[in-house]
Structure formats: structure tokens, C-alpha cells
Amino acid sequence: MQTFIKSLALALTLGVVSFATSVASPGTPDSKNRPVVHAAYQSAIYPSQFSPVVNVVIQKEEGSTVQVRFKTNQGETLAERLVGRGKEKVAMKFRLSELPDGIYRVEITNGRDVTTKEIKLSTQLQESPRTIAMQ
């Protein structure tokens, strides 16, 4: 009888441990058998007031990754940056001075959610600051 109780206690303990392990590791394991975690992130994308630059600020959970891409309207990736596991807050700039006028996109993804912001780049013709009047 005592052996039966010990065996039952051991089986219950192993059952609880395996249940706790499966609940504690959401997602499917990657190639290194680590659970895949999708980052919750917040982002801000805004133009610089005084130069042809777009600023991107990302705040995310540590231990997860977020990818940022700068793309043309046709989907061609012009720049790409991976925000690694050890970073919580990152600020980056995309310089637009060499790009032709057009529509571009900044795309931020954690592998599950995608945030996209469209950017219109156009050159404004400047009028001459001087006027000539004749009488």
C-alpha cells in the first residue's frame, strides 16, 4: 500500500511539473528549442521639422525582437534594421535627402503584428522672395 501511495504521489508531481512547463512556455519552439515570443511594442514615426529625416522610436519588451523596414511604394526594401532581444527602447533615423519624390512606407513587425506608416515625399517649388514693381 505504501509503494502505491509513493507511485501515485510521484505521478501527480510529474503531471503537475509537465503541465506547469507547457503553460509557462507559450508559442512554438524555434530551432534552438526556445519558445518563440512575439513582442508587444509601441512605436512613433514622425518627420524632422528642419531636415529631410524620418524619426522612428520603438519601445518593446526585453527578450523579444522587432524588425523595421523602409520600403518603396512598389515594396522594394531600401533599409532594414533588427531591434535585438537586449534592447527595450530604440530611436533611429531614415535620411530622405537622396530619394526621389514618391510614396514610401515604414513597416514595423514583431513576426505577428505589423504597423505601417505611409510617407509622401515631394519637392515644393519655391517662389522668389523678391518682387519687382514698376511705375
C-alpha atoms as a PDB file:
ATOM      1  CA  MET A   1       0.000   0.000   0.000  1.00  0.00           C
ATOM      2  CA  GLN A   2       2.820   2.380   0.854  1.00  0.00           C
ATOM      3  CA  THR A   3       4.510   1.729  -2.534  1.00  0.00           C
ATOM      4  CA  PHE A   4       1.230   2.530  -4.313  1.00  0.00           C
ATOM      5  CA  ILE A   5       0.915   5.871  -2.487  1.00  0.00           C
ATOM      6  CA  LYS A   6       4.522   6.802  -3.331  1.00  0.00           C
ATOM      7  CA  SER A   7       3.969   5.898  -7.000  1.00  0.00           C
ATOM      8  CA  LEU A   8       0.751   7.932  -7.080  1.00  0.00           C
ATOM      9  CA  ALA A   9       2.485  10.937  -5.471  1.00  0.00           C
ATOM     10  CA  LEU A  10       5.363  10.706  -7.966  1.00  0.00           C
ATOM     11  CA  ALA A  11       2.937  10.505 -10.912  1.00  0.00           C
ATOM     12  CA  LEU A  12       0.974  13.531  -9.663  1.00  0.00           C
ATOM     13  CA  THR A  13       4.185  15.514  -9.167  1.00  0.00           C
ATOM     14  CA  LEU A  14       5.419  14.735 -12.697  1.00  0.00           C
ATOM     15  CA  GLY A  15       1.991  15.582 -14.105  1.00  0.00           C
ATOM     16  CA  VAL A  16       1.923  18.972 -12.347  1.00  0.00           C
ATOM     17  CA  VAL A  17       5.501  19.792 -13.437  1.00  0.00           C
ATOM     18  CA  SER A  18       4.832  18.942 -17.094  1.00  0.00           C
ATOM     19  CA  PHE A  19       1.562  20.958 -17.027  1.00  0.00           C
ATOM     20  CA  ALA A  20       3.338  23.973 -15.488  1.00  0.00           C
ATOM     21  CA  THR A  21       6.083  23.759 -18.128  1.00  0.00           C
ATOM     22  CA  SER A  22       3.625  23.684 -21.010  1.00  0.00           C
ATOM     23  CA  VAL A  23       1.657  26.642 -19.591  1.00  0.00           C
ATOM     24  CA  ALA A  24       4.802  28.711 -18.911  1.00  0.00           C
ATOM     25  CA  SER A  25       6.177  28.461 -22.460  1.00  0.00           C
ATOM     26  CA  PRO A  26       3.654  29.899 -24.932  1.00  0.00           C
ATOM     27  CA  GLY A  27       4.376  29.712 -28.655  1.00  0.00           C
ATOM     28  CA  THR A  28       6.189  27.074 -30.626  1.00  0.00           C
ATOM     29  CA  PRO A  29       9.884  26.401 -30.097  1.00  0.00           C
ATOM     30  CA  ASP A  30      12.396  27.735 -32.612  1.00  0.00           C
ATOM     31  CA  SER A  31      15.386  25.794 -33.983  1.00  0.00           C
ATOM     32  CA  LYS A  32      17.264  26.146 -30.681  1.00  0.00           C
ATOM     33  CA  ASN A  33      14.241  24.774 -28.783  1.00  0.00           C
ATOM     34  CA  ARG A  34      13.448  28.159 -27.222  1.00  0.00           C
ATOM     35  CA  PRO A  35       9.856  29.378 -27.174  1.00  0.00           C
ATOM     36  CA  VAL A  36       9.046  31.992 -29.804  1.00  0.00           C
ATOM     37  CA  VAL A  37       7.822  35.177 -28.100  1.00  0.00           C
ATOM     38  CA  HIS A  38       6.027  37.920 -30.030  1.00  0.00           C
ATOM     39  CA  ALA A  39       6.904  41.334 -28.654  1.00  0.00           C
ATOM     40  CA  ALA A  40       4.342  43.819 -27.569  1.00  0.00           C
ATOM     41  CA  TYR A  41       5.656  47.133 -28.834  1.00  0.00           C
ATOM     42  CA  GLN A  42       4.771  50.789 -29.191  1.00  0.00           C
ATOM     43  CA  SER A  43       6.108  52.965 -31.977  1.00  0.00           C
ATOM     44  CA  ALA A  44       6.222  56.595 -33.049  1.00  0.00           C
ATOM     45  CA  ILE A  45       7.069  57.645 -36.611  1.00  0.00           C
ATOM     46  CA  TYR A  46       7.408  61.360 -37.348  1.00  0.00           C
ATOM     47  CA  PRO A  47       9.277  63.712 -39.712  1.00  0.00           C
ATOM     48  CA  SER A  48      12.016  66.037 -38.569  1.00  0.00           C
ATOM     49  CA  GLN A  49      10.993  69.672 -38.668  1.00  0.00           C
ATOM     50  CA  PHE A  50      14.273  71.071 -40.007  1.00  0.00           C
ATOM     51  CA  SER A  51      15.847  68.330 -42.149  1.00  0.00           C
ATOM     52  CA  PRO A  52      14.693  65.623 -44.597  1.00  0.00           C
ATOM     53  CA  VAL A  53      14.680  62.874 -41.964  1.00  0.00           C
ATOM     54  CA  VAL A  54      12.018  60.491 -40.657  1.00  0.00           C
ATOM     55  CA  ASN A  55      12.444  59.511 -36.996  1.00  0.00           C
ATOM     56  CA  VAL A  56      11.315  56.112 -35.689  1.00  0.00           C
ATOM     57  CA  VAL A  57      11.108  55.382 -31.963  1.00  0.00           C
ATOM     58  CA  ILE A  58      10.251  51.891 -30.695  1.00  0.00           C
ATOM     59  CA  GLN A  59       9.656  50.704 -27.162  1.00  0.00           C
ATOM     60  CA  LYS A  60       9.255  46.944 -26.719  1.00  0.00           C
ATOM     61  CA  GLU A  61       9.542  44.147 -24.215  1.00  0.00           C
ATOM     62  CA  GLU A  62      13.074  42.983 -23.475  1.00  0.00           C
ATOM     63  CA  GLY A  63      13.811  39.464 -24.688  1.00  0.00           C
ATOM     64  CA  SER A  64      11.928  39.796 -27.973  1.00  0.00           C
ATOM     65  CA  THR A  65      12.772  41.173 -31.411  1.00  0.00           C
ATOM     66  CA  VAL A  66      11.165  43.739 -33.711  1.00  0.00           C
ATOM     67  CA  GLN A  67      12.084  44.381 -37.343  1.00  0.00           C
ATOM     68  CA  VAL A  68      11.884  47.808 -39.023  1.00  0.00           C
ATOM     69  CA  ARG A  69      11.868  48.224 -42.817  1.00  0.00           C
ATOM     70  CA  PHE A  70      11.858  51.315 -45.030  1.00  0.00           C
ATOM     71  CA  LYS A  71      10.210  50.430 -48.367  1.00  0.00           C
ATOM     72  CA  THR A  72       9.249  51.980 -51.676  1.00  0.00           C
ATOM     73  CA  ASN A  73       5.632  52.030 -52.799  1.00  0.00           C
ATOM     74  CA  GLN A  74       6.449  49.036 -55.032  1.00  0.00           C
ATOM     75  CA  GLY A  75       7.570  47.001 -51.991  1.00  0.00           C
ATOM     76  CA  GLU A  76      11.343  47.207 -52.526  1.00  0.00           C
ATOM     77  CA  THR A  77      13.181  47.308 -49.185  1.00  0.00           C
ATOM     78  CA  LEU A  78      15.617  50.245 -49.057  1.00  0.00           C
ATOM     79  CA  ALA A  79      16.709  49.837 -45.418  1.00  0.00           C
ATOM     80  CA  GLU A  80      16.161  47.238 -42.738  1.00  0.00           C
ATOM     81  CA  ARG A  81      17.050  47.077 -39.051  1.00  0.00           C
ATOM     82  CA  LEU A  82      16.506  44.365 -36.447  1.00  0.00           C
ATOM     83  CA  VAL A  83      15.951  45.526 -32.876  1.00  0.00           C
ATOM     84  CA  GLY A  84      17.506  42.753 -30.789  1.00  0.00           C
ATOM     85  CA  ARG A  85      16.451  40.986 -27.619  1.00  0.00           C
ATOM     86  CA  GLY A  86      18.605  43.098 -25.279  1.00  0.00           C
ATOM     87  CA  LYS A  87      17.056  46.447 -26.229  1.00  0.00           C
ATOM     88  CA  GLU A  88      13.867  47.911 -24.770  1.00  0.00           C
ATOM     89  CA  LYS A  89      13.855  51.364 -26.397  1.00  0.00           C
ATOM     90  CA  VAL A  90      15.428  52.308 -29.718  1.00  0.00           C
ATOM     91  CA  ALA A  91      15.457  55.504 -31.804  1.00  0.00           C
ATOM     92  CA  MET A  92      16.541  55.543 -35.442  1.00  0.00           C
ATOM     93  CA  LYS A  93      16.528  57.923 -38.404  1.00  0.00           C
ATOM     94  CA  PHE A  94      15.966  57.431 -42.108  1.00  0.00           C
ATOM     95  CA  ARG A  95      17.572  60.172 -44.215  1.00  0.00           C
ATOM     96  CA  LEU A  96      15.446  61.076 -47.236  1.00  0.00           C
ATOM     97  CA  SER A  97      17.580  63.746 -48.941  1.00  0.00           C
ATOM     98  CA  GLU A  98      18.871  61.416 -51.702  1.00  0.00           C
ATOM     99  CA  LEU A  99      15.485  59.820 -52.506  1.00  0.00           C
ATOM    100  CA  PRO A 100      13.311  60.928 -55.423  1.00  0.00           C
ATOM    101  CA  ASP A 101       9.798  62.225 -54.814  1.00  0.00           C
ATOM    102  CA  GLY A 102       7.293  59.453 -54.230  1.00  0.00           C
ATOM    103  CA  ILE A 103       5.440  57.385 -51.666  1.00  0.00           C
ATOM    104  CA  TYR A 104       7.399  55.315 -49.151  1.00  0.00           C
ATOM    105  CA  ARG A 105       6.467  53.136 -46.153  1.00  0.00           C
ATOM    106  CA  VAL A 106       7.951  52.423 -42.761  1.00  0.00           C
ATOM    107  CA  GLU A 107       6.951  48.922 -41.663  1.00  0.00           C
ATOM    108  CA  ILE A 108       7.439  47.601 -38.116  1.00  0.00           C
ATOM    109  CA  THR A 109       6.764  43.952 -37.292  1.00  0.00           C
ATOM    110  CA  ASN A 110       7.249  41.534 -34.438  1.00  0.00           C
ATOM    111  CA  GLY A 111       6.515  38.472 -36.589  1.00  0.00           C
ATOM    112  CA  ARG A 112       2.800  38.570 -35.852  1.00  0.00           C
ATOM    113  CA  ASP A 113       1.640  42.208 -35.821  1.00  0.00           C
ATOM    114  CA  VAL A 114       2.583  44.786 -38.476  1.00  0.00           C
ATOM    115  CA  THR A 115       2.452  48.574 -38.123  1.00  0.00           C
ATOM    116  CA  THR A 116       2.759  50.546 -41.383  1.00  0.00           C
ATOM    117  CA  LYS A 117       3.099  54.294 -41.875  1.00  0.00           C
ATOM    118  CA  GLU A 118       2.982  55.880 -45.338  1.00  0.00           C
ATOM    119  CA  ILE A 119       5.315  58.771 -46.161  1.00  0.00           C
ATOM    120  CA  LYS A 120       4.804  61.142 -49.109  1.00  0.00           C
ATOM    121  CA  LEU A 121       7.988  62.794 -50.253  1.00  0.00           C
ATOM    122  CA  SER A 122       7.551  65.799 -52.542  1.00  0.00           C
ATOM    123  CA  THR A 123       9.567  68.840 -53.502  1.00  0.00           C
ATOM    124  CA  GLN A 124       7.834  72.192 -53.325  1.00  0.00           C
ATOM    125  CA  LEU A 125       8.737  74.891 -55.785  1.00  0.00           C
ATOM    126  CA  GLN A 126       9.886  77.999 -54.008  1.00  0.00           C
ATOM    127  CA  GLU A 127       8.804  81.384 -55.207  1.00  0.00           C
ATOM    128  CA  SER A 128      11.275  84.169 -55.482  1.00  0.00           C
ATOM    129  CA  PRO A 129      11.372  86.165 -52.245  1.00  0.00           C
ATOM    130  CA  ARG A 130      11.864  89.402 -54.195  1.00  0.00           C
ATOM    131  CA  THR A 131       9.180  91.205 -56.102  1.00  0.00           C
ATOM    132  CA  ILE A 132       9.710  93.837 -58.744  1.00  0.00           C
ATOM    133  CA  ALA A 133       7.175  96.635 -59.186  1.00  0.00           C
ATOM    134  CA  MET A 134       7.336  99.278 -61.927  1.00  0.00           C
ATOM    135  CA  GLN A 135       5.506 102.556 -62.063  1.00  0.00           C
END
